[in-house]
Amino acid sequence: RRAGIHCIHGQLMLGVNALSAPLF
């Protein structure tokens, strides 16, 4: 909530990173 964005590094798939943002 503070950042307005979220990232993961290799959590869902090894070697794959992701950035996500909400749409309101």
PDB file of all heavy atoms in Angstrom:
ATOM      1  N   ARG A   1       0.832  -1.209   0.000  1.00  0.00           N
ATOM      2  CA  ARG A   1       0.000   0.000   0.000  1.00  0.00           C
ATOM      3  C   ARG A   1       0.866   1.259   0.000  1.00  0.00           C
ATOM      4  O   ARG A   1       0.548   2.235  -0.676  1.00  0.00           O
ATOM      5  CB  ARG A   1      -0.930  -0.002   1.208  1.00  0.00           C
ATOM      6  CG  ARG A   1      -2.040  -1.039   1.137  1.00  0.00           C
ATOM      7  CD  ARG A   1      -2.935  -0.957   2.364  1.00  0.00           C
ATOM      8  NE  ARG A   1      -3.912  -2.029   2.372  1.00  0.00           N
ATOM      9  CZ  ARG A   1      -5.068  -2.006   1.725  1.00  0.00           C
ATOM     10  NH1 ARG A   1      -5.391  -0.932   1.004  1.00  0.00           N
ATOM     11  NH2 ARG A   1      -5.903  -3.024   1.780  1.00  0.00           N
ATOM     12  N   ARG A   2       1.972   1.214   0.736  1.00  0.00           N
ATOM     13  CA  ARG A   2       2.852   2.385   0.797  1.00  0.00           C
ATOM     14  C   ARG A   2       3.573   2.596  -0.534  1.00  0.00           C
ATOM     15  O   ARG A   2       3.748   3.725  -0.983  1.00  0.00           O
ATOM     16  CB  ARG A   2       3.877   2.240   1.923  1.00  0.00           C
ATOM     17  CG  ARG A   2       3.303   2.372   3.325  1.00  0.00           C
ATOM     18  CD  ARG A   2       4.404   2.664   4.338  1.00  0.00           C
ATOM     19  NE  ARG A   2       5.419   1.614   4.348  1.00  0.00           N
ATOM     20  CZ  ARG A   2       5.404   0.565   5.156  1.00  0.00           C
ATOM     21  NH1 ARG A   2       4.413   0.413   6.031  1.00  0.00           N
ATOM     22  NH2 ARG A   2       6.363  -0.341   5.118  1.00  0.00           N
ATOM     23  N   ALA A   3       3.987   1.489  -1.163  1.00  0.00           N
ATOM     24  CA  ALA A   3       4.775   1.584  -2.395  1.00  0.00           C
ATOM     25  C   ALA A   3       3.903   1.723  -3.638  1.00  0.00           C
ATOM     26  O   ALA A   3       4.322   2.290  -4.646  1.00  0.00           O
ATOM     27  CB  ALA A   3       5.682   0.363  -2.541  1.00  0.00           C
ATOM     28  N   GLY A   4       2.693   1.172  -3.596  1.00  0.00           N
ATOM     29  CA  GLY A   4       1.832   1.189  -4.771  1.00  0.00           C
ATOM     30  C   GLY A   4       2.301   0.253  -5.857  1.00  0.00           C
ATOM     31  O   GLY A   4       1.851   0.352  -7.009  1.00  0.00           O
ATOM     32  N   ILE A   5       3.179  -0.675  -5.507  1.00  0.00           N
ATOM     33  CA  ILE A   5       3.744  -1.614  -6.485  1.00  0.00           C
ATOM     34  C   ILE A   5       4.312  -2.795  -5.707  1.00  0.00           C
ATOM     35  O   ILE A   5       4.597  -2.688  -4.510  1.00  0.00           O
ATOM     36  CB  ILE A   5       4.844  -0.924  -7.329  1.00  0.00           C
ATOM     37  CG1 ILE A   5       5.090  -1.671  -8.635  1.00  0.00           C
ATOM     38  CG2 ILE A   5       6.128  -0.741  -6.538  1.00  0.00           C
ATOM     39  CD1 ILE A   5       5.926  -0.873  -9.629  1.00  0.00           C
ATOM     40  N   HIS A   6       4.455  -3.930  -6.384  1.00  0.00           N
ATOM     41  CA  HIS A   6       5.029  -5.098  -5.704  1.00  0.00           C
ATOM     42  C   HIS A   6       5.915  -5.851  -6.681  1.00  0.00           C
ATOM     43  O   HIS A   6       5.615  -5.936  -7.877  1.00  0.00           O
ATOM     44  CB  HIS A   6       3.923  -6.023  -5.195  1.00  0.00           C
ATOM     45  CG  HIS A   6       4.433  -7.160  -4.365  1.00  0.00           C
ATOM     46  ND1 HIS A   6       5.303  -6.980  -3.303  1.00  0.00           N
ATOM     47  CD2 HIS A   6       4.192  -8.502  -4.426  1.00  0.00           C
ATOM     48  CE1 HIS A   6       5.568  -8.157  -2.747  1.00  0.00           C
ATOM     49  NE2 HIS A   6       4.914  -9.096  -3.421  1.00  0.00           N
ATOM     50  N   CYS A   7       7.017  -6.382  -6.184  1.00  0.00           N
ATOM     51  CA  CYS A   7       7.950  -7.142  -7.028  1.00  0.00           C
ATOM     52  C   CYS A   7       8.275  -8.479  -6.396  1.00  0.00           C
ATOM     53  O   CYS A   7       8.229  -8.635  -5.166  1.00  0.00           O
ATOM     54  CB  CYS A   7       9.234  -6.343  -7.266  1.00  0.00           C
ATOM     55  SG  CYS A   7      10.205  -6.026  -5.790  1.00  0.00           S
ATOM     56  N   ILE A   8       8.569  -9.451  -7.229  1.00  0.00           N
ATOM     57  CA  ILE A   8       9.091 -10.735  -6.773  1.00  0.00           C
ATOM     58  C   ILE A   8      10.263 -11.111  -7.665  1.00  0.00           C
ATOM     59  O   ILE A   8      10.350 -10.686  -8.816  1.00  0.00           O
ATOM     60  CB  ILE A   8       8.034 -11.863  -6.783  1.00  0.00           C
ATOM     61  CG1 ILE A   8       7.538 -12.131  -8.205  1.00  0.00           C
ATOM     62  CG2 ILE A   8       6.889 -11.551  -5.850  1.00  0.00           C
ATOM     63  CD1 ILE A   8       6.707 -13.398  -8.306  1.00  0.00           C
ATOM     64  N   HIS A   9      11.165 -11.917  -7.104  1.00  0.00           N
ATOM     65  CA  HIS A   9      12.361 -12.332  -7.843  1.00  0.00           C
ATOM     66  C   HIS A   9      12.481 -13.852  -7.766  1.00  0.00           C
ATOM     67  O   HIS A   9      12.851 -14.402  -6.726  1.00  0.00           O
ATOM     68  CB  HIS A   9      13.609 -11.661  -7.263  1.00  0.00           C
ATOM     69  CG  HIS A   9      13.555 -10.163  -7.328  1.00  0.00           C
ATOM     70  ND1 HIS A   9      13.058  -9.396  -6.299  1.00  0.00           N
ATOM     71  CD2 HIS A   9      13.910  -9.309  -8.312  1.00  0.00           C
ATOM     72  CE1 HIS A   9      13.125  -8.112  -6.635  1.00  0.00           C
ATOM     73  NE2 HIS A   9      13.625  -8.039  -7.848  1.00  0.00           N
ATOM     74  N   GLY A  10      12.108 -14.513  -8.857  1.00  0.00           N
ATOM     75  CA  GLY A  10      12.246 -15.961  -8.937  1.00  0.00           C
ATOM     76  C   GLY A  10      11.337 -16.739  -8.018  1.00  0.00           C
ATOM     77  O   GLY A  10      11.558 -17.931  -7.809  1.00  0.00           O
ATOM     78  N   GLN A  11      10.312 -16.108  -7.469  1.00  0.00           N
ATOM     79  CA  GLN A  11       9.450 -16.786  -6.504  1.00  0.00           C
ATOM     80  C   GLN A  11       8.465 -17.728  -7.178  1.00  0.00           C
ATOM     81  O   GLN A  11       8.301 -18.874  -6.759  1.00  0.00           O
ATOM     82  CB  GLN A  11       8.692 -15.764  -5.668  1.00  0.00           C
ATOM     83  CG  GLN A  11       7.793 -16.380  -4.589  1.00  0.00           C
ATOM     84  CD  GLN A  11       7.086 -15.326  -3.762  1.00  0.00           C
ATOM     85  OE1 GLN A  11       7.394 -14.139  -3.833  1.00  0.00           O
ATOM     86  NE2 GLN A  11       6.122 -15.761  -2.970  1.00  0.00           N
ATOM     87  N   LEU A  12       7.811 -17.263  -8.215  1.00  0.00           N
ATOM     88  CA  LEU A  12       6.834 -18.100  -8.904  1.00  0.00           C
ATOM     89  C   LEU A  12       7.507 -19.041  -9.894  1.00  0.00           C
ATOM     90  O   LEU A  12       7.113 -20.192 -10.053  1.00  0.00           O
ATOM     91  CB  LEU A  12       5.806 -17.222  -9.629  1.00  0.00           C
ATOM     92  CG  LEU A  12       4.670 -17.942 -10.348  1.00  0.00           C
ATOM     93  CD1 LEU A  12       3.860 -18.766  -9.355  1.00  0.00           C
ATOM     94  CD2 LEU A  12       3.770 -16.938 -11.049  1.00  0.00           C
ATOM     95  N   MET A  13       8.562 -18.548 -10.556  1.00  0.00           N
ATOM     96  CA  MET A  13       9.310 -19.351 -11.524  1.00  0.00           C
ATOM     97  C   MET A  13      10.783 -18.967 -11.444  1.00  0.00           C
ATOM     98  O   MET A  13      11.123 -17.784 -11.488  1.00  0.00           O
ATOM     99  CB  MET A  13       8.760 -19.104 -12.939  1.00  0.00           C
ATOM    100  CG  MET A  13       9.336 -20.026 -14.003  1.00  0.00           C
ATOM    101  SD  MET A  13       8.653 -19.626 -15.649  1.00  0.00           S
ATOM    102  CE  MET A  13       6.906 -19.904 -15.361  1.00  0.00           C
ATOM    103  N   LEU A  14      11.645 -19.951 -11.308  1.00  0.00           N
ATOM    104  CA  LEU A  14      13.073 -19.703 -11.149  1.00  0.00           C
ATOM    105  C   LEU A  14      13.616 -18.889 -12.322  1.00  0.00           C
ATOM    106  O   LEU A  14      13.380 -19.217 -13.481  1.00  0.00           O
ATOM    107  CB  LEU A  14      13.824 -21.034 -11.054  1.00  0.00           C
ATOM    108  CG  LEU A  14      15.324 -20.942 -10.711  1.00  0.00           C
ATOM    109  CD1 LEU A  14      15.518 -20.352  -9.314  1.00  0.00           C
ATOM    110  CD2 LEU A  14      15.975 -22.322 -10.793  1.00  0.00           C
ATOM    111  N   GLY A  15      14.318 -17.805 -11.984  1.00  0.00           N
ATOM    112  CA  GLY A  15      14.928 -16.975 -13.012  1.00  0.00           C
ATOM    113  C   GLY A  15      14.000 -15.972 -13.651  1.00  0.00           C
ATOM    114  O   GLY A  15      14.398 -15.276 -14.587  1.00  0.00           O
ATOM    115  N   VAL A  16      12.777 -15.876 -13.149  1.00  0.00           N
ATOM    116  CA  VAL A  16      11.793 -14.939 -13.698  1.00  0.00           C
ATOM    117  C   VAL A  16      11.383 -13.934 -12.623  1.00  0.00           C
ATOM    118  O   VAL A  16      10.985 -14.322 -11.528  1.00  0.00           O
ATOM    119  CB  VAL A  16      10.545 -15.673 -14.231  1.00  0.00           C
ATOM    120  CG1 VAL A  16       9.497 -14.673 -14.711  1.00  0.00           C
ATOM    121  CG2 VAL A  16      10.930 -16.617 -15.355  1.00  0.00           C
ATOM    122  N   ASN A  17      11.491 -12.660 -12.941  1.00  0.00           N
ATOM    123  CA  ASN A  17      11.121 -11.591 -12.018  1.00  0.00           C
ATOM    124  C   ASN A  17       9.841 -10.916 -12.489  1.00  0.00           C
ATOM    125  O   ASN A  17       9.501 -10.956 -13.677  1.00  0.00           O
ATOM    126  CB  ASN A  17      12.243 -10.560 -11.914  1.00  0.00           C
ATOM    127  CG  ASN A  17      13.531 -11.166 -11.394  1.00  0.00           C
ATOM    128  OD1 ASN A  17      13.505 -12.167 -10.663  1.00  0.00           O
ATOM    129  ND2 ASN A  17      14.660 -10.582 -11.760  1.00  0.00           N
ATOM    130  N   ALA A  18       9.145 -10.266 -11.556  1.00  0.00           N
ATOM    131  CA  ALA A  18       7.874  -9.633 -11.913  1.00  0.00           C
ATOM    132  C   ALA A  18       7.642  -8.364 -11.112  1.00  0.00           C
ATOM    133  O   ALA A  18       8.061  -8.259  -9.954  1.00  0.00           O
ATOM    134  CB  ALA A  18       6.716 -10.604 -11.677  1.00  0.00           C
ATOM    135  N   LEU A  19       6.987  -7.415 -11.755  1.00  0.00           N
ATOM    136  CA  LEU A  19       6.539  -6.171 -11.124  1.00  0.00           C
ATOM    137  C   LEU A  19       5.045  -6.041 -11.384  1.00  0.00           C
ATOM    138  O   LEU A  19       4.598  -6.235 -12.516  1.00  0.00           O
ATOM    139  CB  LEU A  19       7.247  -4.959 -11.735  1.00  0.00           C
ATOM    140  CG  LEU A  19       8.651  -4.591 -11.270  1.00  0.00           C
ATOM    141  CD1 LEU A  19       9.228  -3.540 -12.205  1.00  0.00           C
ATOM    142  CD2 LEU A  19       8.624  -4.060  -9.838  1.00  0.00           C
ATOM    143  N   SER A  20       4.269  -5.702 -10.356  1.00  0.00           N
ATOM    144  CA  SER A  20       2.825  -5.555 -10.515  1.00  0.00           C
ATOM    145  C   SER A  20       2.342  -4.251  -9.903  1.00  0.00           C
ATOM    146  O   SER A  20       2.863  -3.803  -8.877  1.00  0.00           O
ATOM    147  CB  SER A  20       2.079  -6.721  -9.856  1.00  0.00           C
ATOM    148  OG  SER A  20       2.362  -7.934 -10.508  1.00  0.00           O
ATOM    149  N   ALA A  21       1.326  -3.656 -10.525  1.00  0.00           N
ATOM    150  CA  ALA A  21       0.719  -2.418 -10.028  1.00  0.00           C
ATOM    151  C   ALA A  21      -0.800  -2.556 -10.100  1.00  0.00           C
ATOM    152  O   ALA A  21      -1.334  -3.183 -11.021  1.00  0.00           O
ATOM    153  CB  ALA A  21       1.180  -1.211 -10.835  1.00  0.00           C
ATOM    154  N   PRO A  22      -1.528  -1.966  -9.147  1.00  0.00           N
ATOM    155  CA  PRO A  22      -2.994  -2.073  -9.138  1.00  0.00           C
ATOM    156  C   PRO A  22      -3.660  -1.084 -10.077  1.00  0.00           C
ATOM    157  O   PRO A  22      -3.134  -0.002 -10.347  1.00  0.00           O
ATOM    158  CB  PRO A  22      -3.342  -1.744  -7.678  1.00  0.00           C
ATOM    159  CG  PRO A  22      -2.267  -0.776  -7.264  1.00  0.00           C
ATOM    160  CD  PRO A  22      -1.009  -1.234  -7.979  1.00  0.00           C
ATOM    161  N   LEU A  23      -4.840  -1.467 -10.565  1.00  0.00           N
ATOM    162  CA  LEU A  23      -5.690  -0.591 -11.366  1.00  0.00           C
ATOM    163  C   LEU A  23      -6.983  -0.372 -10.581  1.00  0.00           C
ATOM    164  O   LEU A  23      -7.614  -1.344 -10.161  1.00  0.00           O
ATOM    165  CB  LEU A  23      -6.008  -1.226 -12.714  1.00  0.00           C
ATOM    166  CG  LEU A  23      -4.814  -1.666 -13.569  1.00  0.00           C
ATOM    167  CD1 LEU A  23      -5.314  -2.352 -14.839  1.00  0.00           C
ATOM    168  CD2 LEU A  23      -3.926  -0.484 -13.897  1.00  0.00           C
ATOM    169  N   PHE A  24      -7.340   0.887 -10.383  1.00  0.00           N
ATOM    170  CA  PHE A  24      -8.512   1.204  -9.575  1.00  0.00           C
ATOM    171  C   PHE A  24      -9.639   1.784 -10.412  1.00  0.00           C
ATOM    172  O   PHE A  24      -9.398   2.548 -11.353  1.00  0.00           O
ATOM    173  CB  PHE A  24      -8.150   2.192  -8.467  1.00  0.00           C
ATOM    174  CG  PHE A  24      -7.169   1.649  -7.461  1.00  0.00           C
ATOM    175  CD1 PHE A  24      -5.870   2.124  -7.412  1.00  0.00           C
ATOM    176  CD2 PHE A  24      -7.549   0.656  -6.582  1.00  0.00           C
ATOM    177  CE1 PHE A  24      -4.965   1.623  -6.495  1.00  0.00           C
ATOM    178  CE2 PHE A  24      -6.657   0.143  -5.654  1.00  0.00           C
ATOM    179  CZ  PHE A  24      -5.351   0.629  -5.606  1.00  0.00           C
TER     180      PHE A  24
END
